[in-house]
């Protein structure tokens, strides 16, 4: 008798059940992507793990990489005549953690899909950088997942609590925890976020200890780790792909490769949530279109002068604003070019039609 697996263990809920209903009536099977390698996907399904490929139609109709399956996605699967599983559709996402793909002007790269909580991991050693954490927070809030800042390697510093308090000031609305994954100290603080059917993704730079945290939570060495290079106190990059793991208690953990850089997409919600304190101060300016330069009655300039607003944090806020404006311009240019190409294609097709009046 074929063994059946409980989809709820893998994060299935009413949201996905409603989206899948039309496909279920047509005989499709639901699966969740746990691993991707090029066009090959490993899936969790009700009958166990299986390997699948996307159909040619799905790839042809995809407007970009974000229309194709990503790790964490739920998909509609059907077996072909040879018994091979094929992914026909990607179900709507509850959340997605995205960044601008390296080397592309406006291409979106989905790092993780359908995540409930994002652990933003950074080291308390030489990797500690509040400005980088702000950048990660922007994308976390934009994703729709709840961010938790995880300060790892507390065993290497004497001021872990002071640094934790510093990050609390730049991460309004997010929990901040300090721990030592290598020693196993404080890891239990993460368990409440990984209940049955809940999905947690770990994000951060290379060498911050994400894989060590995953191993601690899973209770086994499923992810290979390497020691930190003594020359620069940075870990060696070990995770080379995104993969979804199931905890014994039913929660899921998605480990990701270290990101050397996190290029931002247009993320107005993420910017607003991350810099909520600055947005509140700006709302007190005399003019609604204040540029916070030399305008009279500028609450932001006053807060900077009195020191109630951190100058470095504000500078990073302006930098992120400028980066997003540039990204928005590129998106508009791409859309205009796509529309121009579409119109030309229609005209060519029309001109190729024979004139029946002749």
C-alpha atoms as a PDB file:
ATOM      1  CA  UNK A   1       0.000   0.000   0.000  1.00  0.00           C
ATOM      2  CA  UNK A   2       1.401   3.406  -1.002  1.00  0.00           C
ATOM      3  CA  UNK A   3       2.442   5.527   1.979  1.00  0.00           C
ATOM      4  CA  UNK A   4       0.694   8.867   2.297  1.00  0.00           C
ATOM      5  CA  UNK A   5       2.378  11.935   3.765  1.00  0.00           C
ATOM      6  CA  UNK A   6       0.558  14.747   5.516  1.00  0.00           C
ATOM      7  CA  UNK A   7       0.830  17.872   3.352  1.00  0.00           C
ATOM      8  CA  UNK A   8       0.174  20.075   6.405  1.00  0.00           C
ATOM      9  CA  UNK A   9       3.603  18.993   7.646  1.00  0.00           C
ATOM     10  CA  UNK A  10       5.059  20.711   4.585  1.00  0.00           C
ATOM     11  CA  UNK A  11       3.128  23.961   5.106  1.00  0.00           C
ATOM     12  CA  UNK A  12      -0.115  23.210   3.258  1.00  0.00           C
ATOM     13  CA  UNK A  13      -3.099  25.252   4.490  1.00  0.00           C
ATOM     14  CA  UNK A  14      -6.477  26.629   3.378  1.00  0.00           C
ATOM     15  CA  UNK A  15      -4.814  29.347   1.267  1.00  0.00           C
ATOM     16  CA  UNK A  16      -3.106  26.781  -0.967  1.00  0.00           C
ATOM     17  CA  UNK A  17      -6.054  24.360  -0.841  1.00  0.00           C
ATOM     18  CA  UNK A  18      -8.343  27.031  -2.336  1.00  0.00           C
ATOM     19  CA  UNK A  19      -5.812  27.886  -5.044  1.00  0.00           C
ATOM     20  CA  UNK A  20      -5.303  24.211  -5.874  1.00  0.00           C
ATOM     21  CA  UNK A  21      -8.994  23.252  -6.013  1.00  0.00           C
ATOM     22  CA  UNK A  22      -9.384  23.717  -9.828  1.00  0.00           C
ATOM     23  CA  UNK A  23      -6.285  21.594 -10.469  1.00  0.00           C
ATOM     24  CA  UNK A  24      -7.407  18.904  -8.041  1.00  0.00           C
ATOM     25  CA  UNK A  25     -10.644  18.508  -9.989  1.00  0.00           C
ATOM     26  CA  UNK A  26      -8.562  17.908 -13.127  1.00  0.00           C
ATOM     27  CA  UNK A  27      -6.511  15.184 -11.450  1.00  0.00           C
ATOM     28  CA  UNK A  28      -3.351  17.136 -10.628  1.00  0.00           C
ATOM     29  CA  UNK A  29      -1.214  16.378  -7.579  1.00  0.00           C
ATOM     30  CA  UNK A  30       0.093  19.078  -5.216  1.00  0.00           C
ATOM     31  CA  UNK A  31       3.806  19.296  -4.438  1.00  0.00           C
ATOM     32  CA  UNK A  32       6.163  21.667  -2.660  1.00  0.00           C
ATOM     33  CA  UNK A  33       9.587  22.447  -4.103  1.00  0.00           C
ATOM     34  CA  UNK A  34      12.319  21.429  -1.653  1.00  0.00           C
ATOM     35  CA  UNK A  35      15.294  21.668  -4.018  1.00  0.00           C
ATOM     36  CA  UNK A  36      16.050  23.001  -7.494  1.00  0.00           C
ATOM     37  CA  UNK A  37      18.881  22.177  -9.874  1.00  0.00           C
ATOM     38  CA  UNK A  38      18.557  23.913 -13.239  1.00  0.00           C
ATOM     39  CA  UNK A  39      15.217  22.627 -14.615  1.00  0.00           C
ATOM     40  CA  UNK A  40      15.023  19.659 -12.229  1.00  0.00           C
ATOM     41  CA  UNK A  41      12.993  20.028  -9.028  1.00  0.00           C
ATOM     42  CA  UNK A  42      12.715  17.786  -5.978  1.00  0.00           C
ATOM     43  CA  UNK A  43       9.236  17.926  -4.448  1.00  0.00           C
ATOM     44  CA  UNK A  44       7.415  16.947  -1.283  1.00  0.00           C
ATOM     45  CA  UNK A  45       4.061  15.355  -2.208  1.00  0.00           C
ATOM     46  CA  UNK A  46       1.340  13.363  -0.469  1.00  0.00           C
ATOM     47  CA  UNK A  47       2.959  10.169  -1.758  1.00  0.00           C
ATOM     48  CA  UNK A  48       6.506  11.104  -0.712  1.00  0.00           C
ATOM     49  CA  UNK A  49       9.422  12.826  -2.390  1.00  0.00           C
ATOM     50  CA  UNK A  50       9.589  12.914  -6.159  1.00  0.00           C
ATOM     51  CA  UNK A  51      11.565  14.552  -8.959  1.00  0.00           C
ATOM     52  CA  UNK A  52       9.873  16.704 -11.596  1.00  0.00           C
ATOM     53  CA  UNK A  53      10.543  18.982 -14.554  1.00  0.00           C
ATOM     54  CA  UNK A  54       8.594  22.008 -15.744  1.00  0.00           C
ATOM     55  CA  UNK A  55       6.524  21.635 -18.883  1.00  0.00           C
ATOM     56  CA  UNK A  56       7.549  23.439 -22.035  1.00  0.00           C
ATOM     57  CA  UNK A  57       4.307  25.414 -21.923  1.00  0.00           C
ATOM     58  CA  UNK A  58       5.072  26.723 -18.435  1.00  0.00           C
ATOM     59  CA  UNK A  59       8.546  27.823 -19.508  1.00  0.00           C
ATOM     60  CA  UNK A  60       7.248  29.379 -22.737  1.00  0.00           C
ATOM     61  CA  UNK A  61       4.537  31.403 -20.965  1.00  0.00           C
ATOM     62  CA  UNK A  62       6.852  32.603 -18.188  1.00  0.00           C
ATOM     63  CA  UNK A  63       7.402  36.371 -18.441  1.00  0.00           C
ATOM     64  CA  UNK A  64      10.482  36.046 -16.246  1.00  0.00           C
ATOM     65  CA  UNK A  65      12.218  33.874 -13.679  1.00  0.00           C
ATOM     66  CA  UNK A  66       9.632  34.876 -11.065  1.00  0.00           C
ATOM     67  CA  UNK A  67       6.940  32.974 -13.019  1.00  0.00           C
ATOM     68  CA  UNK A  68       8.875  29.712 -12.681  1.00  0.00           C
ATOM     69  CA  UNK A  69       9.016  27.517  -9.554  1.00  0.00           C
ATOM     70  CA  UNK A  70      11.316  28.514  -6.692  1.00  0.00           C
ATOM     71  CA  UNK A  71      12.250  26.636  -3.550  1.00  0.00           C
ATOM     72  CA  UNK A  72       9.271  26.819  -1.198  1.00  0.00           C
ATOM     73  CA  UNK A  73       6.672  27.072  -3.973  1.00  0.00           C
ATOM     74  CA  UNK A  74       3.589  24.868  -4.158  1.00  0.00           C
ATOM     75  CA  UNK A  75       2.996  23.505  -7.650  1.00  0.00           C
ATOM     76  CA  UNK A  76       0.447  21.478  -9.626  1.00  0.00           C
ATOM     77  CA  UNK A  77       2.001  18.212 -10.856  1.00  0.00           C
ATOM     78  CA  UNK A  78       0.885  15.517 -13.273  1.00  0.00           C
ATOM     79  CA  UNK A  79       2.549  12.294 -14.446  1.00  0.00           C
ATOM     80  CA  UNK A  80       3.045  11.863 -18.187  1.00  0.00           C
ATOM     81  CA  UNK A  81       2.660   8.628 -20.149  1.00  0.00           C
ATOM     82  CA  UNK A  82       6.156   7.527 -19.099  1.00  0.00           C
ATOM     83  CA  UNK A  83       5.311   8.101 -15.441  1.00  0.00           C
ATOM     84  CA  UNK A  84       7.559  11.170 -15.108  1.00  0.00           C
ATOM     85  CA  UNK A  85       6.280  14.036 -12.960  1.00  0.00           C
ATOM     86  CA  UNK A  86       5.822  17.393 -14.686  1.00  0.00           C
ATOM     87  CA  UNK A  87       5.112  20.777 -13.111  1.00  0.00           C
ATOM     88  CA  UNK A  88       2.248  22.460 -14.973  1.00  0.00           C
ATOM     89  CA  UNK A  89       1.515  25.473 -12.754  1.00  0.00           C
ATOM     90  CA  UNK A  90       2.903  27.430  -9.817  1.00  0.00           C
ATOM     91  CA  UNK A  91       0.285  28.205  -7.163  1.00  0.00           C
ATOM     92  CA  UNK A  92      -0.075  31.789  -5.876  1.00  0.00           C
ATOM     93  CA  UNK A  93       2.509  32.711  -3.255  1.00  0.00           C
ATOM     94  CA  UNK A  94       1.761  33.903   0.276  1.00  0.00           C
ATOM     95  CA  UNK A  95       5.162  35.558   0.449  1.00  0.00           C
ATOM     96  CA  UNK A  96       8.388  35.777  -1.520  1.00  0.00           C
ATOM     97  CA  UNK A  97      11.851  37.029  -0.629  1.00  0.00           C
ATOM     98  CA  UNK A  98      13.285  38.588  -3.793  1.00  0.00           C
ATOM     99  CA  UNK A  99      16.338  40.495  -4.905  1.00  0.00           C
ATOM    100  CA  UNK A 100      17.563  41.947  -8.166  1.00  0.00           C
ATOM    101  CA  UNK A 101      19.454  39.235  -9.995  1.00  0.00           C
ATOM    102  CA  UNK A 102      23.144  39.901 -10.449  1.00  0.00           C
ATOM    103  CA  UNK A 103      24.084  40.944 -13.967  1.00  0.00           C
ATOM    104  CA  UNK A 104      20.514  41.782 -15.023  1.00  0.00           C
ATOM    105  CA  UNK A 105      19.104  45.280 -15.101  1.00  0.00           C
ATOM    106  CA  UNK A 106      15.651  44.524 -13.718  1.00  0.00           C
ATOM    107  CA  UNK A 107      15.343  40.731 -13.435  1.00  0.00           C
ATOM    108  CA  UNK A 108      13.801  39.529 -10.187  1.00  0.00           C
ATOM    109  CA  UNK A 109      15.358  36.520  -8.460  1.00  0.00           C
ATOM    110  CA  UNK A 110      13.150  34.753  -5.927  1.00  0.00           C
ATOM    111  CA  UNK A 111      15.355  33.510  -3.118  1.00  0.00           C
ATOM    112  CA  UNK A 112      12.572  31.851  -1.122  1.00  0.00           C
ATOM    113  CA  UNK A 113       8.802  31.466  -1.503  1.00  0.00           C
ATOM    114  CA  UNK A 114       5.964  30.957   0.986  1.00  0.00           C
ATOM    115  CA  UNK A 115       8.087  31.748   4.025  1.00  0.00           C
ATOM    116  CA  UNK A 116       6.435  32.660   7.338  1.00  0.00           C
ATOM    117  CA  UNK A 117       9.546  33.947   9.123  1.00  0.00           C
ATOM    118  CA  UNK A 118      12.932  35.123   7.849  1.00  0.00           C
ATOM    119  CA  UNK A 119      15.969  34.697  10.098  1.00  0.00           C
ATOM    120  CA  UNK A 120      18.354  37.490   9.056  1.00  0.00           C
ATOM    121  CA  UNK A 121      21.636  36.064  10.263  1.00  0.00           C
ATOM    122  CA  UNK A 122      24.767  38.116  10.857  1.00  0.00           C
ATOM    123  CA  UNK A 123      27.920  37.502  12.839  1.00  0.00           C
ATOM    124  CA  UNK A 124      28.880  39.480  15.910  1.00  0.00           C
ATOM    125  CA  UNK A 125      32.526  39.295  14.812  1.00  0.00           C
ATOM    126  CA  UNK A 126      33.895  41.297  11.877  1.00  0.00           C
ATOM    127  CA  UNK A 127      30.719  40.701   9.873  1.00  0.00           C
ATOM    128  CA  UNK A 128      28.640  42.923  12.182  1.00  0.00           C
ATOM    129  CA  UNK A 129      27.202  45.772  10.115  1.00  0.00           C
ATOM    130  CA  UNK A 130      23.935  47.548  11.074  1.00  0.00           C
ATOM    131  CA  UNK A 131      23.686  49.135   7.611  1.00  0.00           C
ATOM    132  CA  UNK A 132      23.703  45.722   5.927  1.00  0.00           C
ATOM    133  CA  UNK A 133      21.032  44.508   8.346  1.00  0.00           C
ATOM    134  CA  UNK A 134      18.860  47.462   7.308  1.00  0.00           C
ATOM    135  CA  UNK A 135      19.212  46.382   3.684  1.00  0.00           C
ATOM    136  CA  UNK A 136      18.086  42.844   4.527  1.00  0.00           C
ATOM    137  CA  UNK A 137      15.198  44.182   6.597  1.00  0.00           C
ATOM    138  CA  UNK A 138      13.849  46.133   3.622  1.00  0.00           C
ATOM    139  CA  UNK A 139      13.509  42.979   1.549  1.00  0.00           C
ATOM    140  CA  UNK A 140      12.218  40.944   4.496  1.00  0.00           C
ATOM    141  CA  UNK A 141       9.362  43.369   5.200  1.00  0.00           C
ATOM    142  CA  UNK A 142       8.601  43.598   1.482  1.00  0.00           C
ATOM    143  CA  UNK A 143       8.420  39.793   1.234  1.00  0.00           C
ATOM    144  CA  UNK A 144       5.428  39.515   3.542  1.00  0.00           C
ATOM    145  CA  UNK A 145       7.317  37.338   6.035  1.00  0.00           C
ATOM    146  CA  UNK A 146       8.118  38.295   9.628  1.00  0.00           C
ATOM    147  CA  UNK A 147      11.825  39.151  10.087  1.00  0.00           C
ATOM    148  CA  UNK A 148      13.886  38.036  13.080  1.00  0.00           C
ATOM    149  CA  UNK A 149      17.458  39.318  13.338  1.00  0.00           C
ATOM    150  CA  UNK A 150      19.798  36.571  14.529  1.00  0.00           C
ATOM    151  CA  UNK A 151      23.176  37.729  15.869  1.00  0.00           C
ATOM    152  CA  UNK A 152      25.410  34.670  15.780  1.00  0.00           C
ATOM    153  CA  UNK A 153      28.878  34.024  17.276  1.00  0.00           C
ATOM    154  CA  UNK A 154      28.137  35.634  20.636  1.00  0.00           C
ATOM    155  CA  UNK A 155      30.968  33.514  22.036  1.00  0.00           C
ATOM    156  CA  UNK A 156      33.517  35.585  20.080  1.00  0.00           C
ATOM    157  CA  UNK A 157      32.661  38.989  21.571  1.00  0.00           C
ATOM    158  CA  UNK A 158      32.218  40.479  25.017  1.00  0.00           C
ATOM    159  CA  UNK A 159      29.625  43.092  24.055  1.00  0.00           C
ATOM    160  CA  UNK A 160      26.950  40.837  22.535  1.00  0.00           C
ATOM    161  CA  UNK A 161      24.168  42.372  24.609  1.00  0.00           C
ATOM    162  CA  UNK A 162      25.203  45.926  23.683  1.00  0.00           C
ATOM    163  CA  UNK A 163      25.201  45.034  19.985  1.00  0.00           C
ATOM    164  CA  UNK A 164      21.839  43.335  20.333  1.00  0.00           C
ATOM    165  CA  UNK A 165      20.422  46.532  21.852  1.00  0.00           C
ATOM    166  CA  UNK A 166      21.967  48.554  19.003  1.00  0.00           C
ATOM    167  CA  UNK A 167      20.233  46.412  16.386  1.00  0.00           C
ATOM    168  CA  UNK A 168      16.911  46.667  18.205  1.00  0.00           C
ATOM    169  CA  UNK A 169      17.044  50.414  17.489  1.00  0.00           C
ATOM    170  CA  UNK A 170      17.420  49.882  13.727  1.00  0.00           C
ATOM    171  CA  UNK A 171      14.964  46.949  13.497  1.00  0.00           C
ATOM    172  CA  UNK A 172      11.599  48.255  14.752  1.00  0.00           C
ATOM    173  CA  UNK A 173       8.957  45.535  14.763  1.00  0.00           C
ATOM    174  CA  UNK A 174      11.475  42.699  14.500  1.00  0.00           C
ATOM    175  CA  UNK A 175      12.758  40.447  17.268  1.00  0.00           C
ATOM    176  CA  UNK A 176      16.518  40.410  17.810  1.00  0.00           C
ATOM    177  CA  UNK A 177      18.297  37.426  19.383  1.00  0.00           C
ATOM    178  CA  UNK A 178      21.964  36.753  20.132  1.00  0.00           C
ATOM    179  CA  UNK A 179      23.332  33.214  20.211  1.00  0.00           C
ATOM    180  CA  UNK A 180      26.287  30.961  19.572  1.00  0.00           C
ATOM    181  CA  UNK A 181      25.368  28.220  17.113  1.00  0.00           C
ATOM    182  CA  UNK A 182      28.812  26.646  17.378  1.00  0.00           C
ATOM    183  CA  UNK A 183      28.398  26.122  21.127  1.00  0.00           C
ATOM    184  CA  UNK A 184      24.657  25.575  20.930  1.00  0.00           C
ATOM    185  CA  UNK A 185      24.012  28.474  23.294  1.00  0.00           C
ATOM    186  CA  UNK A 186      20.757  30.398  22.798  1.00  0.00           C
ATOM    187  CA  UNK A 187      19.568  28.392  19.770  1.00  0.00           C
ATOM    188  CA  UNK A 188      16.404  27.450  21.679  1.00  0.00           C
ATOM    189  CA  UNK A 189      15.262  31.074  21.247  1.00  0.00           C
ATOM    190  CA  UNK A 190      14.520  30.227  17.601  1.00  0.00           C
ATOM    191  CA  UNK A 191      12.245  27.241  18.235  1.00  0.00           C
ATOM    192  CA  UNK A 192       9.003  29.215  18.836  1.00  0.00           C
ATOM    193  CA  UNK A 193       9.188  30.458  15.239  1.00  0.00           C
ATOM    194  CA  UNK A 194       9.345  26.954  13.737  1.00  0.00           C
ATOM    195  CA  UNK A 195       6.056  25.305  14.681  1.00  0.00           C
ATOM    196  CA  UNK A 196       4.410  22.503  12.742  1.00  0.00           C
ATOM    197  CA  UNK A 197       3.785  23.595   9.147  1.00  0.00           C
ATOM    198  CA  UNK A 198       5.672  26.879   9.637  1.00  0.00           C
ATOM    199  CA  UNK A 199       8.451  27.754   7.185  1.00  0.00           C
ATOM    200  CA  UNK A 200      11.565  29.685   8.190  1.00  0.00           C
ATOM    201  CA  UNK A 201      14.241  30.877   5.761  1.00  0.00           C
ATOM    202  CA  UNK A 202      17.776  31.839   6.766  1.00  0.00           C
ATOM    203  CA  UNK A 203      19.354  34.779   4.934  1.00  0.00           C
ATOM    204  CA  UNK A 204      22.734  36.387   5.368  1.00  0.00           C
ATOM    205  CA  UNK A 205      26.261  36.792   4.079  1.00  0.00           C
ATOM    206  CA  UNK A 206      28.679  33.914   3.595  1.00  0.00           C
ATOM    207  CA  UNK A 207      30.246  32.606   6.765  1.00  0.00           C
ATOM    208  CA  UNK A 208      27.770  33.978   9.307  1.00  0.00           C
ATOM    209  CA  UNK A 209      26.867  30.479  10.489  1.00  0.00           C
ATOM    210  CA  UNK A 210      23.543  29.759   8.778  1.00  0.00           C
ATOM    211  CA  UNK A 211      24.383  26.119   8.097  1.00  0.00           C
ATOM    212  CA  UNK A 212      25.565  25.610  11.677  1.00  0.00           C
ATOM    213  CA  UNK A 213      22.234  26.987  12.906  1.00  0.00           C
ATOM    214  CA  UNK A 214      20.365  24.628  10.553  1.00  0.00           C
ATOM    215  CA  UNK A 215      22.375  21.665  11.853  1.00  0.00           C
ATOM    216  CA  UNK A 216      21.602  22.648  15.446  1.00  0.00           C
ATOM    217  CA  UNK A 217      17.884  22.943  14.774  1.00  0.00           C
ATOM    218  CA  UNK A 218      17.736  19.672  12.850  1.00  0.00           C
ATOM    219  CA  UNK A 219      19.914  17.876  15.376  1.00  0.00           C
ATOM    220  CA  UNK A 220      22.205  16.447  12.687  1.00  0.00           C
ATOM    221  CA  UNK A 221      25.003  17.510  10.346  1.00  0.00           C
ATOM    222  CA  UNK A 222      22.858  17.845   7.214  1.00  0.00           C
ATOM    223  CA  UNK A 223      24.658  20.965   6.035  1.00  0.00           C
ATOM    224  CA  UNK A 224      28.403  21.031   5.532  1.00  0.00           C
ATOM    225  CA  UNK A 225      30.211  23.786   7.423  1.00  0.00           C
ATOM    226  CA  UNK A 226      33.739  25.138   7.412  1.00  0.00           C
ATOM    227  CA  UNK A 227      35.735  26.978  10.005  1.00  0.00           C
ATOM    228  CA  UNK A 228      36.250  30.711   9.824  1.00  0.00           C
ATOM    229  CA  UNK A 229      39.400  31.936   8.099  1.00  0.00           C
ATOM    230  CA  UNK A 230      41.597  33.353  10.808  1.00  0.00           C
ATOM    231  CA  UNK A 231      43.064  35.965   8.469  1.00  0.00           C
ATOM    232  CA  UNK A 232      39.865  37.949   8.101  1.00  0.00           C
ATOM    233  CA  UNK A 233      37.433  36.362  10.587  1.00  0.00           C
ATOM    234  CA  UNK A 234      35.033  35.424   7.795  1.00  0.00           C
ATOM    235  CA  UNK A 235      33.581  32.004   7.219  1.00  0.00           C
ATOM    236  CA  UNK A 236      34.066  30.117   4.005  1.00  0.00           C
ATOM    237  CA  UNK A 237      31.033  29.840   1.801  1.00  0.00           C
ATOM    238  CA  UNK A 238      29.641  26.299   2.084  1.00  0.00           C
ATOM    239  CA  UNK A 239      25.951  26.238   1.079  1.00  0.00           C
ATOM    240  CA  UNK A 240      25.727  26.343  -2.717  1.00  0.00           C
ATOM    241  CA  UNK A 241      21.984  25.963  -3.227  1.00  0.00           C
ATOM    242  CA  UNK A 242      18.641  26.586  -1.555  1.00  0.00           C
ATOM    243  CA  UNK A 243      17.057  23.586   0.148  1.00  0.00           C
ATOM    244  CA  UNK A 244      14.014  23.005   2.348  1.00  0.00           C
ATOM    245  CA  UNK A 245      14.407  20.740   5.383  1.00  0.00           C
ATOM    246  CA  UNK A 246      11.664  19.304   7.615  1.00  0.00           C
ATOM    247  CA  UNK A 247      12.188  19.292  11.379  1.00  0.00           C
ATOM    248  CA  UNK A 248      11.111  16.330  13.445  1.00  0.00           C
ATOM    249  CA  UNK A 249       8.381  18.478  15.000  1.00  0.00           C
ATOM    250  CA  UNK A 250       6.963  19.439  11.622  1.00  0.00           C
ATOM    251  CA  UNK A 251       8.507  22.879  11.006  1.00  0.00           C
ATOM    252  CA  UNK A 252      10.488  23.618   7.857  1.00  0.00           C
ATOM    253  CA  UNK A 253      13.841  25.374   7.439  1.00  0.00           C
ATOM    254  CA  UNK A 254      15.090  26.828   4.165  1.00  0.00           C
ATOM    255  CA  UNK A 255      18.843  27.355   4.040  1.00  0.00           C
ATOM    256  CA  UNK A 256      20.238  29.669   1.373  1.00  0.00           C
ATOM    257  CA  UNK A 257      23.702  30.383  -0.066  1.00  0.00           C
ATOM    258  CA  UNK A 258      25.504  33.386   1.373  1.00  0.00           C
ATOM    259  CA  UNK A 259      24.837  36.614  -0.497  1.00  0.00           C
ATOM    260  CA  UNK A 260      27.863  38.716  -1.339  1.00  0.00           C
ATOM    261  CA  UNK A 261      25.518  41.555  -2.200  1.00  0.00           C
ATOM    262  CA  UNK A 262      21.793  42.145  -1.955  1.00  0.00           C
ATOM    263  CA  UNK A 263      20.645  44.386  -4.785  1.00  0.00           C
ATOM    264  CA  UNK A 264      17.279  45.945  -4.047  1.00  0.00           C
ATOM    265  CA  UNK A 265      14.131  45.903  -6.115  1.00  0.00           C
ATOM    266  CA  UNK A 266      11.510  48.628  -5.724  1.00  0.00           C
ATOM    267  CA  UNK A 267      10.329  48.047  -2.152  1.00  0.00           C
ATOM    268  CA  UNK A 268       8.299  50.973  -0.853  1.00  0.00           C
ATOM    269  CA  UNK A 269       6.639  48.914   1.892  1.00  0.00           C
ATOM    270  CA  UNK A 270       9.971  47.451   2.995  1.00  0.00           C
ATOM    271  CA  UNK A 271      11.613  50.876   3.089  1.00  0.00           C
ATOM    272  CA  UNK A 272       8.737  52.327   5.088  1.00  0.00           C
ATOM    273  CA  UNK A 273       8.713  49.483   7.626  1.00  0.00           C
ATOM    274  CA  UNK A 274      12.510  49.407   8.054  1.00  0.00           C
ATOM    275  CA  UNK A 275      12.883  53.160   8.500  1.00  0.00           C
ATOM    276  CA  UNK A 276       9.629  53.763  10.342  1.00  0.00           C
ATOM    277  CA  UNK A 277      11.304  56.197  12.745  1.00  0.00           C
ATOM    278  CA  UNK A 278      12.613  58.384   9.909  1.00  0.00           C
ATOM    279  CA  UNK A 279       9.245  58.300   8.127  1.00  0.00           C
ATOM    280  CA  UNK A 280       7.542  59.486  11.332  1.00  0.00           C
ATOM    281  CA  UNK A 281       9.980  62.383  11.752  1.00  0.00           C
ATOM    282  CA  UNK A 282       9.548  63.352   8.073  1.00  0.00           C
ATOM    283  CA  UNK A 283       5.781  63.514   8.534  1.00  0.00           C
ATOM    284  CA  UNK A 284       6.368  66.461  10.908  1.00  0.00           C
ATOM    285  CA  UNK A 285       8.059  68.593   8.234  1.00  0.00           C
ATOM    286  CA  UNK A 286       6.276  71.840   7.349  1.00  0.00           C
ATOM    287  CA  UNK A 287       6.049  70.917   3.663  1.00  0.00           C
ATOM    288  CA  UNK A 288       4.757  67.536   2.491  1.00  0.00           C
ATOM    289  CA  UNK A 289       7.259  67.518  -0.402  1.00  0.00           C
ATOM    290  CA  UNK A 290      10.206  68.472   1.809  1.00  0.00           C
ATOM    291  CA  UNK A 291      13.534  67.185   0.451  1.00  0.00           C
ATOM    292  CA  UNK A 292      15.164  67.563   3.880  1.00  0.00           C
ATOM    293  CA  UNK A 293      17.849  69.891   2.554  1.00  0.00           C
ATOM    294  CA  UNK A 294      17.441  73.646   3.153  1.00  0.00           C
ATOM    295  CA  UNK A 295      13.662  73.949   3.454  1.00  0.00           C
ATOM    296  CA  UNK A 296      12.329  75.889   6.462  1.00  0.00           C
ATOM    297  CA  UNK A 297      10.542  73.812   9.097  1.00  0.00           C
ATOM    298  CA  UNK A 298      12.342  70.586   8.186  1.00  0.00           C
ATOM    299  CA  UNK A 299      11.872  68.180  11.110  1.00  0.00           C
ATOM    300  CA  UNK A 300      14.448  65.764   9.716  1.00  0.00           C
ATOM    301  CA  UNK A 301      17.253  68.354   9.597  1.00  0.00           C
ATOM    302  CA  UNK A 302      16.343  69.431  13.121  1.00  0.00           C
ATOM    303  CA  UNK A 303      16.447  65.817  14.373  1.00  0.00           C
ATOM    304  CA  UNK A 304      19.853  65.316  12.759  1.00  0.00           C
ATOM    305  CA  UNK A 305      21.219  68.477  14.347  1.00  0.00           C
ATOM    306  CA  UNK A 306      19.984  67.543  17.823  1.00  0.00           C
ATOM    307  CA  UNK A 307      21.228  63.978  17.453  1.00  0.00           C
ATOM    308  CA  UNK A 308      17.796  62.403  17.994  1.00  0.00           C
ATOM    309  CA  UNK A 309      18.153  60.910  14.492  1.00  0.00           C
ATOM    310  CA  UNK A 310      21.282  58.891  13.718  1.00  0.00           C
ATOM    311  CA  UNK A 311      23.186  60.445  10.814  1.00  0.00           C
ATOM    312  CA  UNK A 312      24.566  57.154   9.463  1.00  0.00           C
ATOM    313  CA  UNK A 313      21.141  55.539   9.540  1.00  0.00           C
ATOM    314  CA  UNK A 314      19.626  58.514   7.715  1.00  0.00           C
ATOM    315  CA  UNK A 315      22.392  58.431   5.097  1.00  0.00           C
ATOM    316  CA  UNK A 316      21.671  54.755   4.484  1.00  0.00           C
ATOM    317  CA  UNK A 317      17.959  55.570   4.171  1.00  0.00           C
ATOM    318  CA  UNK A 318      18.699  58.145   1.457  1.00  0.00           C
ATOM    319  CA  UNK A 319      21.018  55.695  -0.277  1.00  0.00           C
ATOM    320  CA  UNK A 320      18.284  53.022  -0.359  1.00  0.00           C
ATOM    321  CA  UNK A 321      15.789  55.587  -1.684  1.00  0.00           C
ATOM    322  CA  UNK A 322      18.120  56.519  -4.537  1.00  0.00           C
ATOM    323  CA  UNK A 323      18.787  52.869  -5.362  1.00  0.00           C
ATOM    324  CA  UNK A 324      15.058  52.161  -5.585  1.00  0.00           C
ATOM    325  CA  UNK A 325      14.402  55.211  -7.752  1.00  0.00           C
ATOM    326  CA  UNK A 326      17.045  53.940 -10.152  1.00  0.00           C
ATOM    327  CA  UNK A 327      15.490  50.453 -10.122  1.00  0.00           C
ATOM    328  CA  UNK A 328      12.054  51.953 -10.820  1.00  0.00           C
ATOM    329  CA  UNK A 329      13.449  53.839 -13.820  1.00  0.00           C
ATOM    330  CA  UNK A 330      14.937  50.637 -15.225  1.00  0.00           C
ATOM    331  CA  UNK A 331      11.637  48.817 -14.748  1.00  0.00           C
ATOM    332  CA  UNK A 332       9.768  51.568 -16.629  1.00  0.00           C
ATOM    333  CA  UNK A 333      12.307  51.446 -19.463  1.00  0.00           C
ATOM    334  CA  UNK A 334      11.991  47.672 -19.687  1.00  0.00           C
ATOM    335  CA  UNK A 335       8.186  47.824 -19.767  1.00  0.00           C
ATOM    336  CA  UNK A 336       8.286  50.465 -22.504  1.00  0.00           C
ATOM    337  CA  UNK A 337      10.641  48.323 -24.592  1.00  0.00           C
ATOM    338  CA  UNK A 338       8.478  45.226 -24.054  1.00  0.00           C
ATOM    339  CA  UNK A 339       5.379  47.130 -25.188  1.00  0.00           C
ATOM    340  CA  UNK A 340       7.221  48.423 -28.266  1.00  0.00           C
ATOM    341  CA  UNK A 341       8.294  44.881 -29.127  1.00  0.00           C
ATOM    342  CA  UNK A 342       4.741  43.593 -28.615  1.00  0.00           C
ATOM    343  CA  UNK A 343       3.274  46.196 -30.969  1.00  0.00           C
ATOM    344  CA  UNK A 344       5.866  45.428 -33.645  1.00  0.00           C
ATOM    345  CA  UNK A 345       5.058  41.712 -33.366  1.00  0.00           C
ATOM    346  CA  UNK A 346       1.345  42.432 -33.853  1.00  0.00           C
ATOM    347  CA  UNK A 347       2.042  44.622 -36.895  1.00  0.00           C
ATOM    348  CA  UNK A 348       4.261  41.967 -38.481  1.00  0.00           C
ATOM    349  CA  UNK A 349       1.600  39.310 -37.936  1.00  0.00           C
ATOM    350  CA  UNK A 350      -1.075  41.597 -39.428  1.00  0.00           C
ATOM    351  CA  UNK A 351       1.024  42.443 -42.487  1.00  0.00           C
ATOM    352  CA  UNK A 352       1.644  38.744 -43.185  1.00  0.00           C
ATOM    353  CA  UNK A 353      -2.117  38.057 -43.486  1.00  0.00           C
ATOM    354  CA  UNK A 354      -3.321  37.756 -47.130  1.00  0.00           C
ATOM    355  CA  UNK A 355      -5.669  40.456 -48.399  1.00  0.00           C
ATOM    356  CA  UNK A 356      -8.934  38.602 -49.160  1.00  0.00           C
ATOM    357  CA  UNK A 357     -10.243  41.516 -51.214  1.00  0.00           C
ATOM    358  CA  UNK A 358      -7.817  40.786 -54.023  1.00  0.00           C
END
